[in-house]
Amino acid sequence: VQLQASGGGLVQAGGSLRLSCADSGRTFSNYIIAWFRQAPGREREFVAAISWAGGSTSYADSVKGRFTISRVNAKNTVYLQMNSLKPEDTAVYYCAAGRTLTRGVPAVKESEYGYWGQGTQVTVSS
């Protein structure tokens, strides 16, 4: 699996962005896909994840109700729709692939994801 993240940019607080994570391989549907983010001076943190067919999702508490993760396996793509953005959402966003469910939902630990794409910068101005 080879992941490519895109869609980042500069947006005002309250605005929206949609990130995409595309895979050029043929095994995309075999993987759980997650988004993580890393702000300057902070550790990378979990944002959201989606299971193989999209039937199960996980979200960080900080983004619940504002972000939505989805996938279209026919396009080898996972999306992260980000609404009501806040300055504290500013970070480099990474997508990652793994195969672990924890109590039936996609894992939230960074160590459960073995494949990573490059990041895409999201900047939210106040």
N, C-alpha and C. Protein backbone atom coordinates (compact mmCIF):
# COMPACT_ATOMS: atom_id res chain seq x y z
N VAL A 1 0.85 -1.17 0.00
CA VAL A 1 0.00 0.00 0.00
C VAL A 1 0.89 1.24 0.00
N GLN A 2 0.56 2.19 -0.82
CA GLN A 2 1.30 3.46 -0.90
C GLN A 2 0.31 4.59 -0.81
N LEU A 3 0.36 5.31 0.29
CA LEU A 3 -0.65 6.32 0.58
C LEU A 3 -0.17 7.72 0.21
N GLN A 4 -1.10 8.50 -0.31
CA GLN A 4 -0.82 9.88 -0.71
C GLN A 4 -1.92 10.76 -0.14
N ALA A 5 -1.55 11.64 0.78
CA ALA A 5 -2.52 12.56 1.37
C ALA A 5 -2.52 13.88 0.62
N SER A 6 -3.70 14.48 0.49
CA SER A 6 -3.82 15.77 -0.19
C SER A 6 -5.04 16.50 0.34
N GLY A 7 -5.16 17.77 -0.07
CA GLY A 7 -6.34 18.54 0.28
C GLY A 7 -6.14 19.57 1.37
N GLY A 8 -4.97 19.64 1.95
CA GLY A 8 -4.72 20.62 2.99
C GLY A 8 -4.68 22.03 2.43
N GLY A 9 -4.66 22.99 3.34
CA GLY A 9 -4.60 24.38 2.91
C GLY A 9 -4.83 25.31 4.07
N LEU A 10 -5.05 26.58 3.72
CA LEU A 10 -5.31 27.63 4.71
C LEU A 10 -6.80 27.96 4.68
N VAL A 11 -7.41 27.98 5.84
CA VAL A 11 -8.84 28.26 5.93
C VAL A 11 -9.10 29.08 7.19
N GLN A 12 -10.14 29.89 7.15
CA GLN A 12 -10.50 30.66 8.34
C GLN A 12 -11.27 29.79 9.32
N ALA A 13 -11.21 30.16 10.58
CA ALA A 13 -11.97 29.45 11.61
C ALA A 13 -13.45 29.40 11.22
N GLY A 14 -14.04 28.24 11.42
CA GLY A 14 -15.43 28.03 11.03
C GLY A 14 -15.59 27.45 9.64
N GLY A 15 -14.52 27.44 8.88
CA GLY A 15 -14.56 26.94 7.52
C GLY A 15 -14.43 25.43 7.45
N SER A 16 -14.33 24.94 6.20
CA SER A 16 -14.28 23.50 5.95
C SER A 16 -13.15 23.16 4.98
N LEU A 17 -12.67 21.96 5.11
CA LEU A 17 -11.72 21.37 4.17
C LEU A 17 -12.03 19.89 4.05
N ARG A 18 -11.69 19.32 2.90
CA ARG A 18 -11.80 17.87 2.74
C ARG A 18 -10.44 17.32 2.35
N LEU A 19 -9.91 16.45 3.19
CA LEU A 19 -8.66 15.78 2.90
C LEU A 19 -8.94 14.47 2.19
N SER A 20 -7.99 14.08 1.34
CA SER A 20 -8.09 12.80 0.64
C SER A 20 -6.83 11.98 0.92
N CYS A 21 -7.01 10.68 1.00
CA CYS A 21 -5.90 9.75 1.14
C CYS A 21 -6.09 8.68 0.07
N ALA A 22 -5.22 8.70 -0.91
CA ALA A 22 -5.35 7.78 -2.04
C ALA A 22 -4.23 6.74 -2.01
N ASP A 23 -4.56 5.56 -2.51
CA ASP A 23 -3.59 4.47 -2.56
C ASP A 23 -3.42 4.02 -3.99
N SER A 24 -2.18 3.86 -4.40
CA SER A 24 -1.92 3.44 -5.78
C SER A 24 -1.85 1.93 -5.93
N GLY A 25 -2.00 1.19 -4.83
CA GLY A 25 -1.90 -0.26 -4.89
C GLY A 25 -3.22 -0.94 -5.14
N ARG A 26 -3.24 -2.27 -5.00
CA ARG A 26 -4.43 -3.06 -5.29
C ARG A 26 -5.03 -3.70 -4.05
N THR A 27 -4.48 -3.36 -2.88
CA THR A 27 -4.94 -4.02 -1.66
C THR A 27 -5.61 -3.04 -0.70
N PHE A 28 -5.99 -1.89 -1.19
CA PHE A 28 -6.53 -0.82 -0.35
C PHE A 28 -7.69 -1.29 0.52
N SER A 29 -8.59 -2.05 -0.06
CA SER A 29 -9.78 -2.47 0.66
C SER A 29 -9.46 -3.47 1.78
N ASN A 30 -8.23 -3.95 1.85
CA ASN A 30 -7.83 -4.88 2.90
C ASN A 30 -7.38 -4.17 4.17
N TYR A 31 -7.36 -2.84 4.14
CA TYR A 31 -6.78 -2.08 5.24
C TYR A 31 -7.78 -1.14 5.90
N ILE A 32 -7.62 -1.04 7.21
CA ILE A 32 -8.23 0.05 7.96
C ILE A 32 -7.38 1.29 7.67
N ILE A 33 -8.05 2.43 7.46
CA ILE A 33 -7.33 3.67 7.17
C ILE A 33 -7.63 4.67 8.28
N ALA A 34 -6.58 5.32 8.75
CA ALA A 34 -6.73 6.30 9.83
C ALA A 34 -6.08 7.62 9.44
N TRP A 35 -6.54 8.67 10.09
CA TRP A 35 -5.91 9.98 10.01
C TRP A 35 -5.33 10.31 11.39
N PHE A 36 -4.11 10.80 11.38
CA PHE A 36 -3.45 11.34 12.55
C PHE A 36 -3.03 12.76 12.22
N ARG A 37 -2.71 13.53 13.25
CA ARG A 37 -2.22 14.88 13.01
C ARG A 37 -1.13 15.22 14.02
N GLN A 38 -0.27 16.14 13.61
CA GLN A 38 0.80 16.59 14.48
C GLN A 38 0.95 18.10 14.36
N ALA A 39 0.73 18.76 15.47
CA ALA A 39 0.91 20.20 15.55
C ALA A 39 2.34 20.51 15.98
N PRO A 40 2.82 21.70 15.67
CA PRO A 40 4.20 22.05 16.06
C PRO A 40 4.41 21.89 17.56
N GLY A 41 5.49 21.21 17.92
CA GLY A 41 5.83 21.05 19.32
C GLY A 41 5.00 20.04 20.07
N ARG A 42 4.14 19.32 19.36
CA ARG A 42 3.27 18.34 20.02
C ARG A 42 3.45 16.96 19.41
N GLU A 43 3.04 15.95 20.13
CA GLU A 43 3.12 14.60 19.62
C GLU A 43 2.00 14.36 18.60
N ARG A 44 2.24 13.39 17.73
CA ARG A 44 1.22 13.04 16.76
C ARG A 44 0.03 12.41 17.49
N GLU A 45 -1.17 12.77 17.07
CA GLU A 45 -2.36 12.27 17.75
C GLU A 45 -3.37 11.71 16.76
N PHE A 46 -4.15 10.78 17.25
CA PHE A 46 -5.20 10.14 16.44
C PHE A 46 -6.32 11.14 16.16
N VAL A 47 -6.87 11.05 14.94
CA VAL A 47 -8.01 11.91 14.57
C VAL A 47 -9.25 11.05 14.28
N ALA A 48 -9.13 10.13 13.32
CA ALA A 48 -10.27 9.32 12.92
C ALA A 48 -9.78 8.09 12.17
N ALA A 49 -10.62 7.06 12.12
CA ALA A 49 -10.27 5.86 11.37
C ALA A 49 -11.53 5.19 10.87
N ILE A 50 -11.37 4.39 9.81
CA ILE A 50 -12.51 3.73 9.20
C ILE A 50 -12.12 2.30 8.82
N SER A 51 -13.04 1.37 9.03
CA SER A 51 -12.77 -0.03 8.77
C SER A 51 -12.79 -0.35 7.27
N TRP A 52 -12.53 -1.58 6.93
CA TRP A 52 -12.31 -2.00 5.55
C TRP A 52 -13.44 -1.57 4.60
N ALA A 53 -14.67 -1.85 5.01
CA ALA A 53 -15.80 -1.52 4.14
C ALA A 53 -16.54 -0.27 4.60
N GLY A 54 -16.01 0.38 5.61
CA GLY A 54 -16.62 1.62 6.09
C GLY A 54 -17.71 1.43 7.12
N GLY A 55 -17.90 0.20 7.59
CA GLY A 55 -18.98 -0.05 8.52
C GLY A 55 -18.70 0.36 9.95
N SER A 56 -17.45 0.62 10.27
CA SER A 56 -17.09 1.01 11.63
C SER A 56 -16.10 2.16 11.58
N THR A 57 -16.30 3.13 12.46
CA THR A 57 -15.42 4.28 12.50
C THR A 57 -15.02 4.60 13.95
N SER A 58 -13.93 5.31 14.08
CA SER A 58 -13.48 5.82 15.38
C SER A 58 -13.13 7.29 15.21
N TYR A 59 -13.40 8.07 16.24
CA TYR A 59 -13.07 9.49 16.21
C TYR A 59 -12.45 9.91 17.54
N ALA A 60 -11.52 10.85 17.46
CA ALA A 60 -11.05 11.50 18.68
C ALA A 60 -12.16 12.39 19.22
N ASP A 61 -12.23 12.51 20.54
CA ASP A 61 -13.28 13.34 21.14
C ASP A 61 -13.23 14.77 20.63
N SER A 62 -12.03 15.26 20.34
CA SER A 62 -11.87 16.66 19.94
C SER A 62 -12.46 16.96 18.57
N VAL A 63 -12.75 15.94 17.77
CA VAL A 63 -13.28 16.19 16.42
C VAL A 63 -14.67 15.60 16.21
N LYS A 64 -15.19 14.88 17.18
CA LYS A 64 -16.52 14.29 17.04
C LYS A 64 -17.56 15.36 16.76
N GLY A 65 -18.40 15.09 15.78
CA GLY A 65 -19.45 16.04 15.42
C GLY A 65 -19.00 17.09 14.43
N ARG A 66 -17.70 17.20 14.20
CA ARG A 66 -17.18 18.18 13.23
C ARG A 66 -16.51 17.52 12.04
N PHE A 67 -15.86 16.39 12.26
CA PHE A 67 -15.15 15.68 11.19
C PHE A 67 -15.90 14.40 10.85
N THR A 68 -15.84 14.04 9.56
CA THR A 68 -16.44 12.79 9.11
C THR A 68 -15.46 12.06 8.20
N ILE A 69 -15.21 10.80 8.52
CA ILE A 69 -14.34 9.98 7.69
C ILE A 69 -15.19 9.06 6.84
N SER A 70 -14.80 8.88 5.58
CA SER A 70 -15.52 8.00 4.68
C SER A 70 -14.53 7.40 3.69
N ARG A 71 -14.97 6.38 2.97
CA ARG A 71 -14.08 5.76 1.99
C ARG A 71 -14.87 5.30 0.78
N VAL A 72 -14.19 5.32 -0.36
CA VAL A 72 -14.73 4.77 -1.60
C VAL A 72 -13.68 3.80 -2.12
N ASN A 73 -13.88 2.53 -1.84
CA ASN A 73 -12.85 1.54 -2.19
C ASN A 73 -12.67 1.43 -3.71
N ALA A 74 -13.71 1.69 -4.46
CA ALA A 74 -13.58 1.62 -5.92
C ALA A 74 -12.61 2.69 -6.44
N LYS A 75 -12.41 3.74 -5.65
CA LYS A 75 -11.47 4.80 -6.00
C LYS A 75 -10.19 4.73 -5.16
N ASN A 76 -10.07 3.70 -4.32
CA ASN A 76 -8.89 3.57 -3.44
C ASN A 76 -8.64 4.85 -2.66
N THR A 77 -9.71 5.43 -2.14
CA THR A 77 -9.59 6.73 -1.48
C THR A 77 -10.39 6.78 -0.19
N VAL A 78 -9.79 7.39 0.82
CA VAL A 78 -10.47 7.73 2.07
C VAL A 78 -10.51 9.25 2.17
N TYR A 79 -11.64 9.75 2.65
CA TYR A 79 -11.82 11.19 2.79
C TYR A 79 -11.97 11.56 4.26
N LEU A 80 -11.53 12.75 4.60
CA LEU A 80 -11.77 13.33 5.92
C LEU A 80 -12.41 14.69 5.70
N GLN A 81 -13.72 14.76 5.89
CA GLN A 81 -14.42 16.03 5.78
C GLN A 81 -14.32 16.76 7.10
N MET A 82 -13.76 17.94 7.08
CA MET A 82 -13.53 18.71 8.30
C MET A 82 -14.36 19.98 8.26
N ASN A 83 -15.33 20.08 9.14
CA ASN A 83 -16.20 21.26 9.22
C ASN A 83 -15.97 21.98 10.54
N SER A 84 -16.45 23.21 10.60
CA SER A 84 -16.32 24.02 11.82
C SER A 84 -14.90 24.00 12.36
N LEU A 85 -13.98 24.24 11.47
CA LEU A 85 -12.57 24.16 11.85
C LEU A 85 -12.19 25.24 12.87
N LYS A 86 -11.27 24.86 13.74
CA LYS A 86 -10.79 25.74 14.80
C LYS A 86 -9.29 25.93 14.65
N PRO A 87 -8.75 27.02 15.17
CA PRO A 87 -7.29 27.21 15.10
C PRO A 87 -6.52 26.03 15.69
N GLU A 88 -7.07 25.39 16.69
CA GLU A 88 -6.38 24.25 17.30
C GLU A 88 -6.37 23.01 16.43
N ASP A 89 -7.07 23.05 15.29
CA ASP A 89 -6.99 21.96 14.32
C ASP A 89 -5.77 22.09 13.41
N THR A 90 -5.07 23.20 13.52
CA THR A 90 -3.87 23.43 12.70
C THR A 90 -2.84 22.35 13.00
N ALA A 91 -2.39 21.67 11.95
CA ALA A 91 -1.44 20.57 12.10
C ALA A 91 -1.09 20.02 10.73
N VAL A 92 -0.09 19.16 10.71
CA VAL A 92 0.14 18.33 9.54
C VAL A 92 -0.68 17.06 9.73
N TYR A 93 -1.47 16.74 8.74
CA TYR A 93 -2.36 15.58 8.80
C TYR A 93 -1.76 14.44 7.98
N TYR A 94 -1.72 13.25 8.58
CA TYR A 94 -1.17 12.06 7.95
C TYR A 94 -2.24 10.99 7.85
N CYS A 95 -2.23 10.23 6.76
CA CYS A 95 -3.07 9.05 6.71
C CYS A 95 -2.18 7.81 6.86
N ALA A 96 -2.78 6.76 7.39
CA ALA A 96 -2.03 5.55 7.70
C ALA A 96 -2.92 4.33 7.49
N ALA A 97 -2.30 3.19 7.23
CA ALA A 97 -3.03 1.95 6.99
C ALA A 97 -2.64 0.89 8.01
N GLY A 98 -3.63 0.16 8.47
CA GLY A 98 -3.39 -0.93 9.41
C GLY A 98 -4.47 -1.97 9.30
N ARG A 99 -4.44 -2.95 10.24
CA ARG A 99 -5.42 -4.03 10.16
C ARG A 99 -6.02 -4.38 11.52
N THR A 100 -5.90 -3.48 12.49
CA THR A 100 -6.31 -3.84 13.85
C THR A 100 -7.61 -3.17 14.26
N LEU A 101 -8.53 -4.00 14.75
CA LEU A 101 -9.71 -3.49 15.43
C LEU A 101 -9.50 -3.65 16.93
N THR A 102 -9.97 -2.71 17.69
CA THR A 102 -9.92 -2.79 19.14
C THR A 102 -11.35 -2.75 19.66
N ARG A 103 -11.78 -3.85 20.23
CA ARG A 103 -13.18 -3.98 20.70
C ARG A 103 -14.15 -3.63 19.57
N GLY A 104 -13.81 -4.10 18.38
CA GLY A 104 -14.73 -4.00 17.26
C GLY A 104 -14.67 -2.71 16.47
N VAL A 105 -13.83 -1.78 16.88
CA VAL A 105 -13.70 -0.52 16.13
C VAL A 105 -12.24 -0.30 15.74
N PRO A 106 -12.00 0.49 14.70
CA PRO A 106 -10.61 0.71 14.27
C PRO A 106 -9.72 1.21 15.40
N ALA A 107 -8.51 0.69 15.44
CA ALA A 107 -7.57 1.06 16.49
C ALA A 107 -7.22 2.55 16.43
N VAL A 108 -6.88 3.09 17.59
CA VAL A 108 -6.52 4.50 17.68
C VAL A 108 -5.05 4.71 17.98
N LYS A 109 -4.33 3.63 18.24
CA LYS A 109 -2.92 3.76 18.57
C LYS A 109 -2.06 3.84 17.32
N GLU A 110 -1.13 4.76 17.32
CA GLU A 110 -0.23 4.96 16.19
C GLU A 110 0.53 3.67 15.85
N SER A 111 0.89 2.91 16.87
CA SER A 111 1.68 1.70 16.67
C SER A 111 0.94 0.61 15.92
N GLU A 112 -0.39 0.73 15.81
CA GLU A 112 -1.19 -0.28 15.09
C GLU A 112 -1.21 -0.04 13.59
N TYR A 113 -0.59 1.03 13.14
CA TYR A 113 -0.60 1.37 11.72
C TYR A 113 0.81 1.30 11.16
N GLY A 114 0.99 0.44 10.17
CA GLY A 114 2.34 0.17 9.68
C GLY A 114 2.72 0.90 8.41
N TYR A 115 1.73 1.49 7.76
CA TYR A 115 1.99 2.18 6.50
C TYR A 115 1.51 3.62 6.63
N TRP A 116 2.38 4.54 6.22
CA TRP A 116 2.09 5.95 6.38
C TRP A 116 2.31 6.70 5.09
N GLY A 117 1.46 7.68 4.84
CA GLY A 117 1.68 8.59 3.73
C GLY A 117 2.42 9.83 4.21
N GLN A 118 2.75 10.69 3.26
CA GLN A 118 3.35 11.96 3.65
C GLN A 118 2.24 12.85 4.19
N GLY A 119 2.56 13.88 4.89
CA GLY A 119 1.54 14.72 5.48
C GLY A 119 1.05 15.81 4.55
N THR A 120 -0.10 16.37 4.94
CA THR A 120 -0.63 17.55 4.26
C THR A 120 -0.95 18.59 5.32
N GLN A 121 -0.52 19.82 5.08
CA GLN A 121 -0.63 20.87 6.08
C GLN A 121 -2.03 21.48 6.08
N VAL A 122 -2.61 21.58 7.26
CA VAL A 122 -3.87 22.28 7.45
C VAL A 122 -3.62 23.43 8.42
N THR A 123 -3.94 24.64 7.98
CA THR A 123 -3.75 25.81 8.81
C THR A 123 -5.09 26.54 8.94
N VAL A 124 -5.53 26.74 10.18
CA VAL A 124 -6.79 27.41 10.44
C VAL A 124 -6.49 28.74 11.12
N SER A 125 -6.86 29.82 10.47
CA SER A 125 -6.59 31.15 11.02
C SER A 125 -7.77 31.62 11.85
N SER A 126 -7.47 32.39 12.87
CA SER A 126 -8.53 32.89 13.77
C SER A 126 -9.09 34.21 13.29
